[in-house]
Structure formats: C-alpha cells, structure tokens
PDB file of N, CA and C in Angstrom:
ATOM      1  N   MET A   1      91.367  95.679 -10.045  1.00  0.00           N
ATOM      2  CA  MET A   1      92.134  95.293 -11.224  1.00  0.00           C
ATOM      3  C   MET A   1      93.497  94.758 -10.777  1.00  0.00           C
ATOM      4  N   ILE A   2      93.944  93.707 -11.422  1.00  0.00           N
ATOM      5  CA  ILE A   2      95.230  93.102 -11.080  1.00  0.00           C
ATOM      6  C   ILE A   2      96.363  94.015 -11.544  1.00  0.00           C
ATOM      7  N   ASN A   3      97.371  94.172 -10.707  1.00  0.00           N
ATOM      8  CA  ASN A   3      98.520  95.018 -11.022  1.00  0.00           C
ATOM      9  C   ASN A   3      99.250  94.484 -12.255  1.00  0.00           C
ATOM     10  N   PRO A   4      99.544  95.335 -13.247  1.00  0.00           N
ATOM     11  CA  PRO A   4     100.221  94.857 -14.452  1.00  0.00           C
ATOM     12  C   PRO A   4     101.609  94.280 -14.195  1.00  0.00           C
ATOM     13  N   LYS A   5     102.226  94.600 -13.057  1.00  0.00           N
ATOM     14  CA  LYS A   5     103.522  94.000 -12.742  1.00  0.00           C
ATOM     15  C   LYS A   5     103.381  92.528 -12.385  1.00  0.00           C
ATOM     16  N   LEU A   6     102.179  92.096 -12.076  1.00  0.00           N
ATOM     17  CA  LEU A   6     101.910  90.700 -11.740  1.00  0.00           C
ATOM     18  C   LEU A   6     101.083  90.065 -12.855  1.00  0.00           C
ATOM     19  N   ASN A   7     101.573  90.168 -14.084  1.00  0.00           N
ATOM     20  CA  ASN A   7     100.688  89.878 -15.206  1.00  0.00           C
ATOM     21  C   ASN A   7     100.927  88.557 -15.924  1.00  0.00           C
ATOM     22  N   SER A   8     102.010  87.875 -15.704  1.00  0.00           N
ATOM     23  CA  SER A   8     102.277  86.657 -16.465  1.00  0.00           C
ATOM     24  C   SER A   8     101.844  85.423 -15.686  1.00  0.00           C
ATOM     25  N   PHE A   9     101.084  84.559 -16.321  1.00  0.00           N
ATOM     26  CA  PHE A   9     100.736  83.248 -15.774  1.00  0.00           C
ATOM     27  C   PHE A   9     101.514  82.251 -16.612  1.00  0.00           C
ATOM     28  N   VAL A  10     102.442  81.519 -15.990  1.00  0.00           N
ATOM     29  CA  VAL A  10     103.387  80.703 -16.743  1.00  0.00           C
ATOM     30  C   VAL A  10     103.456  79.278 -16.217  1.00  0.00           C
ATOM     31  N   SER A  11     104.006  78.411 -17.055  1.00  0.00           N
ATOM     32  CA  SER A  11     104.439  77.092 -16.592  1.00  0.00           C
ATOM     33  C   SER A  11     105.954  77.064 -16.709  1.00  0.00           C
ATOM     34  N   ILE A  12     106.597  76.510 -15.703  1.00  0.00           N
ATOM     35  CA  ILE A  12     108.058  76.414 -15.680  1.00  0.00           C
ATOM     36  C   ILE A  12     108.429  74.961 -15.419  1.00  0.00           C
ATOM     37  N   ILE A  13     109.294  74.423 -16.270  1.00  0.00           N
ATOM     38  CA  ILE A  13     109.875  73.100 -16.043  1.00  0.00           C
ATOM     39  C   ILE A  13     111.284  73.346 -15.524  1.00  0.00           C
ATOM     40  N   TRP A  14     111.608  72.713 -14.393  1.00  0.00           N
ATOM     41  CA  TRP A  14     112.905  72.965 -13.778  1.00  0.00           C
ATOM     42  C   TRP A  14     113.413  71.731 -13.050  1.00  0.00           C
ATOM     43  N   LYS A  15     114.714  71.720 -12.803  1.00  0.00           N
ATOM     44  CA  LYS A  15     115.375  70.606 -12.124  1.00  0.00           C
ATOM     45  C   LYS A  15     115.547  70.953 -10.644  1.00  0.00           C
ATOM     46  N   ASP A  16     115.127  70.030  -9.783  1.00  0.00           N
ATOM     47  CA  ASP A  16     115.225  70.227  -8.345  1.00  0.00           C
ATOM     48  C   ASP A  16     116.135  69.158  -7.761  1.00  0.00           C
ATOM     49  N   SER A  17     116.698  69.452  -6.615  1.00  0.00           N
ATOM     50  CA  SER A  17     117.494  68.437  -5.925  1.00  0.00           C
ATOM     51  C   SER A  17     116.551  67.377  -5.348  1.00  0.00           C
ATOM     52  N   ALA A  18     117.101  66.226  -5.058  1.00  0.00           N
ATOM     53  CA  ALA A  18     116.292  65.134  -4.521  1.00  0.00           C
ATOM     54  C   ALA A  18     117.015  64.513  -3.334  1.00  0.00           C
ATOM     55  N   SER A  19     116.251  64.018  -2.398  1.00  0.00           N
ATOM     56  CA  SER A  19     116.862  63.340  -1.261  1.00  0.00           C
ATOM     57  C   SER A  19     117.052  61.864  -1.599  1.00  0.00           C
ATOM     58  N   ILE A  20     117.903  61.230  -0.847  1.00  0.00           N
ATOM     59  CA  ILE A  20     118.193  59.808  -1.031  1.00  0.00           C
ATOM     60  C   ILE A  20     117.688  59.073   0.203  1.00  0.00           C
ATOM     61  N   GLU A  21     117.037  57.931  -0.012  1.00  0.00           N
ATOM     62  CA  GLU A  21     116.533  57.135   1.112  1.00  0.00           C
ATOM     63  C   GLU A  21     117.669  56.752   2.052  1.00  0.00           C
ATOM     64  N   ASN A  22     117.338  56.678   3.344  1.00  0.00           N
ATOM     65  CA  ASN A  22     118.313  56.217   4.329  1.00  0.00           C
ATOM     66  C   ASN A  22     118.524  54.720   4.185  1.00  0.00           C
ATOM     67  N   GLY A  23     119.627  54.247   4.674  1.00  0.00           N
ATOM     68  CA  GLY A  23     119.947  52.821   4.651  1.00  0.00           C
ATOM     69  C   GLY A  23     121.116  52.547   3.717  1.00  0.00           C
ATOM     70  N   TRP A  24     121.781  51.429   3.936  1.00  0.00           N
ATOM     71  CA  TRP A  24     122.943  51.064   3.134  1.00  0.00           C
ATOM     72  C   TRP A  24     122.530  50.663   1.727  1.00  0.00           C
ATOM     73  N   LYS A  25     123.277  51.185   0.756  1.00  0.00           N
ATOM     74  CA  LYS A  25     123.048  50.868  -0.656  1.00  0.00           C
ATOM     75  C   LYS A  25     124.394  50.783  -1.366  1.00  0.00           C
ATOM     76  N   TYR A  26     124.428  50.038  -2.432  1.00  0.00           N
ATOM     77  CA  TYR A  26     125.623  49.997  -3.264  1.00  0.00           C
ATOM     78  C   TYR A  26     125.564  51.135  -4.275  1.00  0.00           C
ATOM     79  N   VAL A  27     126.657  51.852  -4.405  1.00  0.00           N
ATOM     80  CA  VAL A  27     126.717  52.975  -5.342  1.00  0.00           C
ATOM     81  C   VAL A  27     126.399  52.494  -6.754  1.00  0.00           C
ATOM     82  N   LYS A  28     126.910  51.318  -7.139  1.00  0.00           N
ATOM     83  CA  LYS A  28     126.698  50.807  -8.502  1.00  0.00           C
ATOM     84  C   LYS A  28     125.221  50.539  -8.806  1.00  0.00           C
ATOM     85  N   ASP A  29     124.396  50.334  -7.774  1.00  0.00           N
ATOM     86  CA  ASP A  29     122.971  50.062  -7.959  1.00  0.00           C
ATOM     87  C   ASP A  29     122.102  51.315  -7.842  1.00  0.00           C
ATOM     88  N   SER A  30     122.730  52.461  -7.643  1.00  0.00           N
ATOM     89  CA  SER A  30     121.984  53.697  -7.417  1.00  0.00           C
ATOM     90  C   SER A  30     122.039  54.610  -8.637  1.00  0.00           C
ATOM     91  N   THR A  31     121.024  55.452  -8.757  1.00  0.00           N
ATOM     92  CA  THR A  31     121.039  56.515  -9.758  1.00  0.00           C
ATOM     93  C   THR A  31     120.970  57.840  -9.021  1.00  0.00           C
ATOM     94  N   PHE A  32     121.665  58.817  -9.534  1.00  0.00           N
ATOM     95  CA  PHE A  32     121.746  60.118  -8.888  1.00  0.00           C
ATOM     96  C   PHE A  32     121.366  61.193  -9.896  1.00  0.00           C
ATOM     97  N   GLU A  33     120.083  61.390 -10.043  1.00  0.00           N
ATOM     98  CA  GLU A  33     119.559  62.348 -11.007  1.00  0.00           C
ATOM     99  C   GLU A  33     118.680  63.373 -10.298  1.00  0.00           C
ATOM    100  N   PRO A  34     118.695  64.616 -10.776  1.00  0.00           N
ATOM    101  CA  PRO A  34     117.763  65.596 -10.214  1.00  0.00           C
ATOM    102  C   PRO A  34     116.332  65.247 -10.612  1.00  0.00           C
ATOM    103  N   VAL A  35     115.389  65.811  -9.899  1.00  0.00           N
ATOM    104  CA  VAL A  35     113.976  65.599 -10.175  1.00  0.00           C
ATOM    105  C   VAL A  35     113.497  66.695 -11.115  1.00  0.00           C
ATOM    106  N   GLU A  36     112.731  66.314 -12.158  1.00  0.00           N
ATOM    107  CA  GLU A  36     112.142  67.316 -13.044  1.00  0.00           C
ATOM    108  C   GLU A  36     110.783  67.725 -12.476  1.00  0.00           C
ATOM    109  N   VAL A  37     110.571  69.043 -12.356  1.00  0.00           N
ATOM    110  CA  VAL A  37     109.372  69.578 -11.722  1.00  0.00           C
ATOM    111  C   VAL A  37     108.648  70.493 -12.704  1.00  0.00           C
ATOM    112  N   LEU A  38     107.317  70.457 -12.690  1.00  0.00           N
ATOM    113  CA  LEU A  38     106.486  71.406 -13.439  1.00  0.00           C
ATOM    114  C   LEU A  38     105.766  72.275 -12.424  1.00  0.00           C
ATOM    115  N   SER A  39     106.004  73.584 -12.477  1.00  0.00           N
ATOM    116  CA  SER A  39     105.323  74.540 -11.607  1.00  0.00           C
ATOM    117  C   SER A  39     104.539  75.506 -12.473  1.00  0.00           C
ATOM    118  N   VAL A  40     103.346  75.872 -12.006  1.00  0.00           N
ATOM    119  CA  VAL A  40     102.477  76.794 -12.729  1.00  0.00           C
ATOM    120  C   VAL A  40     102.054  77.893 -11.764  1.00  0.00           C
ATOM    121  N   GLY A  41     102.102  79.148 -12.221  1.00  0.00           N
ATOM    122  CA  GLY A  41     101.670  80.226 -11.344  1.00  0.00           C
ATOM    123  C   GLY A  41     101.875  81.599 -11.957  1.00  0.00           C
ATOM    124  N   PHE A  42     101.525  82.617 -11.173  1.00  0.00           N
ATOM    125  CA  PHE A  42     101.707  84.005 -11.566  1.00  0.00           C
ATOM    126  C   PHE A  42     103.126  84.444 -11.218  1.00  0.00           C
ATOM    127  N   VAL A  43     103.799  85.107 -12.146  1.00  0.00           N
ATOM    128  CA  VAL A  43     105.125  85.649 -11.868  1.00  0.00           C
ATOM    129  C   VAL A  43     104.941  86.898 -11.017  1.00  0.00           C
ATOM    130  N   ILE A  44     105.472  86.862  -9.794  1.00  0.00           N
ATOM    131  CA  ILE A  44     105.336  88.028  -8.914  1.00  0.00           C
ATOM    132  C   ILE A  44     106.660  88.761  -8.728  1.00  0.00           C
ATOM    133  N   PHE A  45     107.770  88.146  -9.169  1.00  0.00           N
ATOM    134  CA  PHE A  45     109.079  88.789  -9.067  1.00  0.00           C
ATOM    135  C   PHE A  45     110.031  88.113 -10.029  1.00  0.00           C
ATOM    136  N   LYS A  46     110.922  88.906 -10.640  1.00  0.00           N
ATOM    137  CA  LYS A  46     111.967  88.384 -11.521  1.00  0.00           C
ATOM    138  C   LYS A  46     113.258  89.126 -11.219  1.00  0.00           C
ATOM    139  N   SER A  47     114.376  88.417 -11.276  1.00  0.00           N
ATOM    140  CA  SER A  47     115.702  89.030 -11.215  1.00  0.00           C
ATOM    141  C   SER A  47     116.603  88.227 -12.144  1.00  0.00           C
ATOM    142  N   LYS A  48     117.860  88.594 -12.211  1.00  0.00           N
ATOM    143  CA  LYS A  48     118.806  87.831 -13.028  1.00  0.00           C
ATOM    144  C   LYS A  48     118.999  86.425 -12.478  1.00  0.00           C
ATOM    145  N   GLU A  49     118.748  86.264 -11.179  1.00  0.00           N
ATOM    146  CA  GLU A  49     119.017  84.986 -10.517  1.00  0.00           C
ATOM    147  C   GLU A  49     117.792  84.107 -10.292  1.00  0.00           C
ATOM    148  N   VAL A  50     116.615  84.715 -10.050  1.00  0.00           N
ATOM    149  CA  VAL A  50     115.432  83.933  -9.686  1.00  0.00           C
ATOM    150  C   VAL A  50     114.173  84.422 -10.388  1.00  0.00           C
ATOM    151  N   ILE A  51     113.169  83.529 -10.423  1.00  0.00           N
ATOM    152  CA  ILE A  51     111.788  83.865 -10.775  1.00  0.00           C
ATOM    153  C   ILE A  51     110.940  83.358  -9.612  1.00  0.00           C
ATOM    154  N   VAL A  52     109.979  84.181  -9.178  1.00  0.00           N
ATOM    155  CA  VAL A  52     109.114  83.786  -8.075  1.00  0.00           C
ATOM    156  C   VAL A  52     107.690  83.649  -8.592  1.00  0.00           C
ATOM    157  N   LEU A  53     107.088  82.472  -8.340  1.00  0.00           N
ATOM    158  CA  LEU A  53     105.714  82.197  -8.748  1.00  0.00           C
ATOM    159  C   LEU A  53     104.814  82.163  -7.528  1.00  0.00           C
ATOM    160  N   SER A  54     103.551  82.561  -7.733  1.00  0.00           N
ATOM    161  CA  SER A  54     102.529  82.416  -6.708  1.00  0.00           C
ATOM    162  C   SER A  54     101.270  81.841  -7.347  1.00  0.00           C
ATOM    163  N   ALA A  55     100.560  81.029  -6.591  1.00  0.00           N
ATOM    164  CA  ALA A  55      99.313  80.446  -7.084  1.00  0.00           C
ATOM    165  C   ALA A  55      98.172  81.461  -7.060  1.00  0.00           C
ATOM    166  N   ASN A  56      98.273  82.466  -6.184  1.00  0.00           N
ATOM    167  CA  ASN A  56      97.182  83.428  -6.015  1.00  0.00           C
ATOM    168  C   ASN A  56      97.727  84.848  -5.964  1.00  0.00           C
ATOM    169  N   ILE A  57      97.050  85.765  -6.667  1.00  0.00           N
ATOM    170  CA  ILE A  57      97.390  87.186  -6.572  1.00  0.00           C
ATOM    171  C   ILE A  57      96.116  87.988  -6.384  1.00  0.00           C
ATOM    172  N   SER A  58      96.267  89.187  -5.818  1.00  0.00           N
ATOM    173  CA  SER A  58      95.125  90.053  -5.561  1.00  0.00           C
ATOM    174  C   SER A  58      95.580  91.502  -5.654  1.00  0.00           C
ATOM    175  N   ASN A  59      94.650  92.377  -5.901  1.00  0.00           N
ATOM    176  CA  ASN A  59      94.952  93.799  -5.889  1.00  0.00           C
ATOM    177  C   ASN A  59      93.883  94.512  -5.078  1.00  0.00           C
ATOM    178  N   GLY A  60      93.770  94.142  -3.811  1.00  0.00           N
ATOM    179  CA  GLY A  60      92.801  94.773  -2.927  1.00  0.00           C
ATOM    180  C   GLY A  60      93.373  96.040  -2.327  1.00  0.00           C
ATOM    181  N   GLY A  61      93.705  97.009  -3.150  1.00  0.00           N
ATOM    182  CA  GLY A  61      94.315  98.247  -2.696  1.00  0.00           C
ATOM    183  C   GLY A  61      95.809  98.244  -2.950  1.00  0.00           C
ATOM    184  N   LEU A  62      96.495  97.190  -2.524  1.00  0.00           N
ATOM    185  CA  LEU A  62      97.916  97.006  -2.793  1.00  0.00           C
ATOM    186  C   LEU A  62      98.095  95.626  -3.416  1.00  0.00           C
ATOM    187  N   PRO A  63      99.018  95.482  -4.362  1.00  0.00           N
ATOM    188  CA  PRO A  63      99.260  94.145  -4.918  1.00  0.00           C
ATOM    189  C   PRO A  63      99.672  93.172  -3.810  1.00  0.00           C
ATOM    190  N   ALA A  64      99.089  91.998  -3.842  1.00  0.00           N
ATOM    191  CA  ALA A  64      99.378  91.002  -2.813  1.00  0.00           C
ATOM    192  C   ALA A  64      99.405  89.613  -3.436  1.00  0.00           C
ATOM    193  N   TYR A  65     100.029  88.680  -2.724  1.00  0.00           N
ATOM    194  CA  TYR A  65     100.072  87.295  -3.171  1.00  0.00           C
ATOM    195  C   TYR A  65      99.923  86.384  -1.971  1.00  0.00           C
ATOM    196  N   ASN A  66      99.592  85.115  -2.235  1.00  0.00           N
ATOM    197  CA  ASN A  66      99.438  84.122  -1.191  1.00  0.00           C
ATOM    198  C   ASN A  66     100.297  82.928  -1.557  1.00  0.00           C
ATOM    199  N   GLY A  67     101.331  82.685  -0.786  1.00  0.00           N
ATOM    200  CA  GLY A  67     102.241  81.575  -1.069  1.00  0.00           C
ATOM    201  C   GLY A  67     103.187  81.932  -2.203  1.00  0.00           C
ATOM    202  N   GLY A  68     104.273  81.221  -2.306  1.00  0.00           N
ATOM    203  CA  GLY A  68     105.219  81.499  -3.374  1.00  0.00           C
ATOM    204  C   GLY A  68     106.267  80.418  -3.491  1.00  0.00           C
ATOM    205  N   MET A  69     106.875  80.351  -4.665  1.00  0.00           N
ATOM    206  CA  MET A  69     107.944  79.393  -4.949  1.00  0.00           C
ATOM    207  C   MET A  69     109.076  80.163  -5.619  1.00  0.00           C
ATOM    208  N   ILE A  70     110.255  80.142  -5.010  1.00  0.00           N
ATOM    209  CA  ILE A  70     111.431  80.778  -5.599  1.00  0.00           C
ATOM    210  C   ILE A  70     112.158  79.722  -6.415  1.00  0.00           C
ATOM    211  N   ILE A  71     112.357  80.003  -7.704  1.00  0.00           N
ATOM    212  CA  ILE A  71     113.030  79.057  -8.599  1.00  0.00           C
ATOM    213  C   ILE A  71     114.266  79.751  -9.165  1.00  0.00           C
ATOM    214  N   TYR A  72     115.428  79.139  -8.979  1.00  0.00           N
ATOM    215  CA  TYR A  72     116.652  79.690  -9.546  1.00  0.00           C
ATOM    216  C   TYR A  72     116.665  79.489 -11.054  1.00  0.00           C
ATOM    217  N   ARG A  73     116.996  80.546 -11.785  1.00  0.00           N
ATOM    218  CA  ARG A  73     117.002  80.476 -13.247  1.00  0.00           C
ATOM    219  C   ARG A  73     117.923  79.381 -13.780  1.00  0.00           C
ATOM    220  N   LYS A  74     119.022  79.105 -13.088  1.00  0.00           N
ATOM    221  CA  LYS A  74     119.960  78.065 -13.534  1.00  0.00           C
ATOM    222  C   LYS A  74     119.306  76.684 -13.554  1.00  0.00           C
ATOM    223  N   GLN A  75     118.235  76.509 -12.794  1.00  0.00           N
ATOM    224  CA  GLN A  75     117.547  75.222 -12.732  1.00  0.00           C
ATOM    225  C   GLN A  75     116.442  75.092 -13.780  1.00  0.00           C
ATOM    226  N   ILE A  76     116.076  76.193 -14.439  1.00  0.00           N
ATOM    227  CA  ILE A  76     114.949  76.200 -15.368  1.00  0.00           C
ATOM    228  C   ILE A  76     115.367  75.650 -16.723  1.00  0.00           C
ATOM    229  N   THR A  77     114.552  74.714 -17.237  1.00  0.00           N
ATOM    230  CA  THR A  77     114.802  74.168 -18.577  1.00  0.00           C
ATOM    231  C   THR A  77     113.802  74.681 -19.606  1.00  0.00           C
ATOM    232  N   ASN A  78     112.619  75.166 -19.144  1.00  0.00           N
ATOM    233  CA  ASN A  78     111.616  75.692 -20.084  1.00  0.00           C
ATOM    234  C   ASN A  78     110.618  76.591 -19.353  1.00  0.00           C
ATOM    235  N   ILE A  79     110.250  77.693 -20.006  1.00  0.00           N
ATOM    236  CA  ILE A  79     109.201  78.576 -19.504  1.00  0.00           C
ATOM    237  C   ILE A  79     108.203  78.801 -20.636  1.00  0.00           C
ATOM    238  N   SER A  80     106.909  78.658 -20.336  1.00  0.00           N
ATOM    239  CA  SER A  80     105.859  78.906 -21.325  1.00  0.00           C
ATOM    240  C   SER A  80     104.834  79.877 -20.751  1.00  0.00           C
ATOM    241  N   ASP A  81     104.526  80.945 -21.493  1.00  0.00           N
ATOM    242  CA  ASP A  81     103.438  81.841 -21.111  1.00  0.00           C
ATOM    243  C   ASP A  81     102.111  81.143 -21.345  1.00  0.00           C
ATOM    244  N   LEU A  82     101.271  81.113 -20.330  1.00  0.00           N
ATOM    245  CA  LEU A  82      99.946  80.488 -20.457  1.00  0.00           C
ATOM    246  C   LEU A  82      98.861  81.528 -20.645  1.00  0.00           C
ATOM    247  N   ALA A  83      99.017  82.701 -20.025  1.00  0.00           N
ATOM    248  CA  ALA A  83      98.002  83.762 -20.139  1.00  0.00           C
ATOM    249  C   ALA A  83      98.587  85.082 -19.651  1.00  0.00           C
ATOM    250  N   LYS A  84      97.987  86.168 -20.076  1.00  0.00           N
ATOM    251  CA  LYS A  84      98.340  87.508 -19.604  1.00  0.00           C
ATOM    252  C   LYS A  84      97.122  88.094 -18.926  1.00  0.00           C
ATOM    253  N   TYR A  85      97.328  88.763 -17.784  1.00  0.00           N
ATOM    254  CA  TYR A  85      96.235  89.383 -17.054  1.00  0.00           C
ATOM    255  C   TYR A  85      96.506  90.852 -16.860  1.00  0.00           C
TER     256      TYR A  85
END
C-alpha cells in the first residue's frame, strides 16, 4: 500500500529561469522572460519554501521514490490536484 504521506498526484505550473544563446545580440532585439513549465507528479515533500515531485513512488517496506524535481513555491503560479492515492 502506498504511504499516505505520499498521496497527492498534482500538476504544477511554474516559472523557470532560461539560458540565453551565446553570441552577440542587440539588447533591443532580445526578450528576457522566464520559461513557463508544467510538471506532473507525486508530492513526496512539502515545506514553506519548496514542493518536491516524483514521477514514481513505491512502498516496498519503506516509502521510496525514483527521481525528483524540487520546485520553489515562489516560482509556482498554479497547483491542481489530479488524484489521491
């Protein structure tokens, strides 16, 4: 059975930093906007500062996860619950 602490499957829309291509460019011809990202996964950790998502969770004796994405709450523009497990 999946651990109830790892129970939310969510989608999060958030703003991420973006890199700029190398090479000379005119500032007036450039745009400097963050990238909007959609991430989907199981919430495996929450704090006042971050939410951590994982694509895979397991409860083979101890709660476990495979891979993860740390997202700062200040970057989040929307969170939607997709399912409860």
